[in-house]
């Protein structure tokens, strides 16, 4: 049962939309925290750069990612939500 006339086309469009979302899902936004010598934190919000196929898809959809936001300073009382050691 395809939901009436055009039901199959609607299902195909939903699958294509899901494929677009799946393709773009790996573009992430994160805050990168660096400790400073005076005990404060330098916080750099960053998004990952799209892979070439994602960039083509964004271009086809006439979408652009925002500019990387400027860094900010957090007081010593602040701490990163999750500390990762490299």
C-alpha atoms as a PDB file:
ATOM      1  CA  UNK A   1       0.000   0.000   0.000  1.00  0.00           C
ATOM      2  CA  UNK A   2       1.607   3.219  -1.141  1.00  0.00           C
ATOM      3  CA  UNK A   3      -0.790   5.739   0.405  1.00  0.00           C
ATOM      4  CA  UNK A   4      -2.660   6.578  -2.792  1.00  0.00           C
ATOM      5  CA  UNK A   5      -1.642   8.430  -5.929  1.00  0.00           C
ATOM      6  CA  UNK A   6       1.859   9.790  -5.635  1.00  0.00           C
ATOM      7  CA  UNK A   7       2.514   7.777  -2.467  1.00  0.00           C
ATOM      8  CA  UNK A   8       5.496   6.007  -3.964  1.00  0.00           C
ATOM      9  CA  UNK A   9       6.971   9.316  -5.129  1.00  0.00           C
ATOM     10  CA  UNK A  10       6.525  10.749  -1.615  1.00  0.00           C
ATOM     11  CA  UNK A  11       8.362   7.731  -0.144  1.00  0.00           C
ATOM     12  CA  UNK A  12      11.195   8.201  -2.666  1.00  0.00           C
ATOM     13  CA  UNK A  13      11.501  11.877  -1.732  1.00  0.00           C
ATOM     14  CA  UNK A  14      11.627  10.962   1.963  1.00  0.00           C
ATOM     15  CA  UNK A  15      14.424   8.482   1.242  1.00  0.00           C
ATOM     16  CA  UNK A  16      16.365  11.112  -0.722  1.00  0.00           C
ATOM     17  CA  UNK A  17      15.910  13.655   2.083  1.00  0.00           C
ATOM     18  CA  UNK A  18      17.127  11.080   4.607  1.00  0.00           C
ATOM     19  CA  UNK A  19      20.177  10.366   2.425  1.00  0.00           C
ATOM     20  CA  UNK A  20      21.005  14.106   2.351  1.00  0.00           C
ATOM     21  CA  UNK A  21      20.737  14.339   6.144  1.00  0.00           C
ATOM     22  CA  UNK A  22      22.862  11.212   6.574  1.00  0.00           C
ATOM     23  CA  UNK A  23      25.513  12.630   4.230  1.00  0.00           C
ATOM     24  CA  UNK A  24      25.708  15.935   6.121  1.00  0.00           C
ATOM     25  CA  UNK A  25      25.497  14.402   9.613  1.00  0.00           C
ATOM     26  CA  UNK A  26      29.259  14.036   9.960  1.00  0.00           C
ATOM     27  CA  UNK A  27      29.787  17.825   9.866  1.00  0.00           C
ATOM     28  CA  UNK A  28      30.219  18.597  13.550  1.00  0.00           C
ATOM     29  CA  UNK A  29      30.338  21.695  15.730  1.00  0.00           C
ATOM     30  CA  UNK A  30      32.544  21.602  18.808  1.00  0.00           C
ATOM     31  CA  UNK A  31      34.316  23.821  21.325  1.00  0.00           C
ATOM     32  CA  UNK A  32      38.064  23.274  21.587  1.00  0.00           C
ATOM     33  CA  UNK A  33      39.419  24.337  25.008  1.00  0.00           C
ATOM     34  CA  UNK A  34      43.052  25.315  25.628  1.00  0.00           C
ATOM     35  CA  UNK A  35      44.382  26.203  29.093  1.00  0.00           C
ATOM     36  CA  UNK A  36      46.277  29.479  29.312  1.00  0.00           C
ATOM     37  CA  UNK A  37      49.310  30.185  31.486  1.00  0.00           C
ATOM     38  CA  UNK A  38      47.239  32.411  33.798  1.00  0.00           C
ATOM     39  CA  UNK A  39      44.630  29.725  34.556  1.00  0.00           C
ATOM     40  CA  UNK A  40      41.937  30.897  32.138  1.00  0.00           C
ATOM     41  CA  UNK A  41      40.686  28.957  29.108  1.00  0.00           C
ATOM     42  CA  UNK A  42      40.867  29.864  25.428  1.00  0.00           C
ATOM     43  CA  UNK A  43      37.706  28.434  23.848  1.00  0.00           C
ATOM     44  CA  UNK A  44      37.618  28.066  20.090  1.00  0.00           C
ATOM     45  CA  UNK A  45      34.233  27.053  18.629  1.00  0.00           C
ATOM     46  CA  UNK A  46      34.872  25.133  15.427  1.00  0.00           C
ATOM     47  CA  UNK A  47      33.013  23.102  12.834  1.00  0.00           C
ATOM     48  CA  UNK A  48      34.627  20.366  10.817  1.00  0.00           C
ATOM     49  CA  UNK A  49      35.309  21.144   7.186  1.00  0.00           C
ATOM     50  CA  UNK A  50      33.032  19.274   4.772  1.00  0.00           C
ATOM     51  CA  UNK A  51      34.445  16.457   2.686  1.00  0.00           C
ATOM     52  CA  UNK A  52      34.474  17.120  -1.079  1.00  0.00           C
ATOM     53  CA  UNK A  53      31.214  15.212  -1.673  1.00  0.00           C
ATOM     54  CA  UNK A  54      29.556  17.090   1.200  1.00  0.00           C
ATOM     55  CA  UNK A  55      30.801  20.407  -0.213  1.00  0.00           C
ATOM     56  CA  UNK A  56      29.255  19.532  -3.599  1.00  0.00           C
ATOM     57  CA  UNK A  57      25.972  18.650  -1.908  1.00  0.00           C
ATOM     58  CA  UNK A  58      25.969  21.908   0.088  1.00  0.00           C
ATOM     59  CA  UNK A  59      26.641  23.792  -3.151  1.00  0.00           C
ATOM     60  CA  UNK A  60      23.766  22.011  -4.928  1.00  0.00           C
ATOM     61  CA  UNK A  61      21.457  22.918  -2.036  1.00  0.00           C
ATOM     62  CA  UNK A  62      22.762  26.516  -2.119  1.00  0.00           C
ATOM     63  CA  UNK A  63      23.829  26.224   1.536  1.00  0.00           C
ATOM     64  CA  UNK A  64      26.985  27.550   3.134  1.00  0.00           C
ATOM     65  CA  UNK A  65      28.477  26.849   6.516  1.00  0.00           C
ATOM     66  CA  UNK A  66      28.913  29.861   8.777  1.00  0.00           C
ATOM     67  CA  UNK A  67      32.340  31.403   9.277  1.00  0.00           C
ATOM     68  CA  UNK A  68      34.339  29.902  12.123  1.00  0.00           C
ATOM     69  CA  UNK A  69      33.305  31.908  15.228  1.00  0.00           C
ATOM     70  CA  UNK A  70      35.995  33.952  16.981  1.00  0.00           C
ATOM     71  CA  UNK A  71      37.740  32.498  20.039  1.00  0.00           C
ATOM     72  CA  UNK A  72      36.695  33.594  23.515  1.00  0.00           C
ATOM     73  CA  UNK A  73      38.295  33.555  26.960  1.00  0.00           C
ATOM     74  CA  UNK A  74      36.648  31.797  29.928  1.00  0.00           C
ATOM     75  CA  UNK A  75      37.511  32.504  33.533  1.00  0.00           C
ATOM     76  CA  UNK A  76      39.520  30.013  35.589  1.00  0.00           C
ATOM     77  CA  UNK A  77      36.363  28.906  37.432  1.00  0.00           C
ATOM     78  CA  UNK A  78      35.047  27.550  34.114  1.00  0.00           C
ATOM     79  CA  UNK A  79      36.214  24.212  32.877  1.00  0.00           C
ATOM     80  CA  UNK A  80      35.659  22.237  29.703  1.00  0.00           C
ATOM     81  CA  UNK A  81      32.600  19.984  29.847  1.00  0.00           C
ATOM     82  CA  UNK A  82      34.733  16.921  29.050  1.00  0.00           C
ATOM     83  CA  UNK A  83      38.498  16.920  29.276  1.00  0.00           C
ATOM     84  CA  UNK A  84      40.331  14.982  26.591  1.00  0.00           C
ATOM     85  CA  UNK A  85      44.049  14.373  26.905  1.00  0.00           C
ATOM     86  CA  UNK A  86      46.089  13.848  23.774  1.00  0.00           C
END
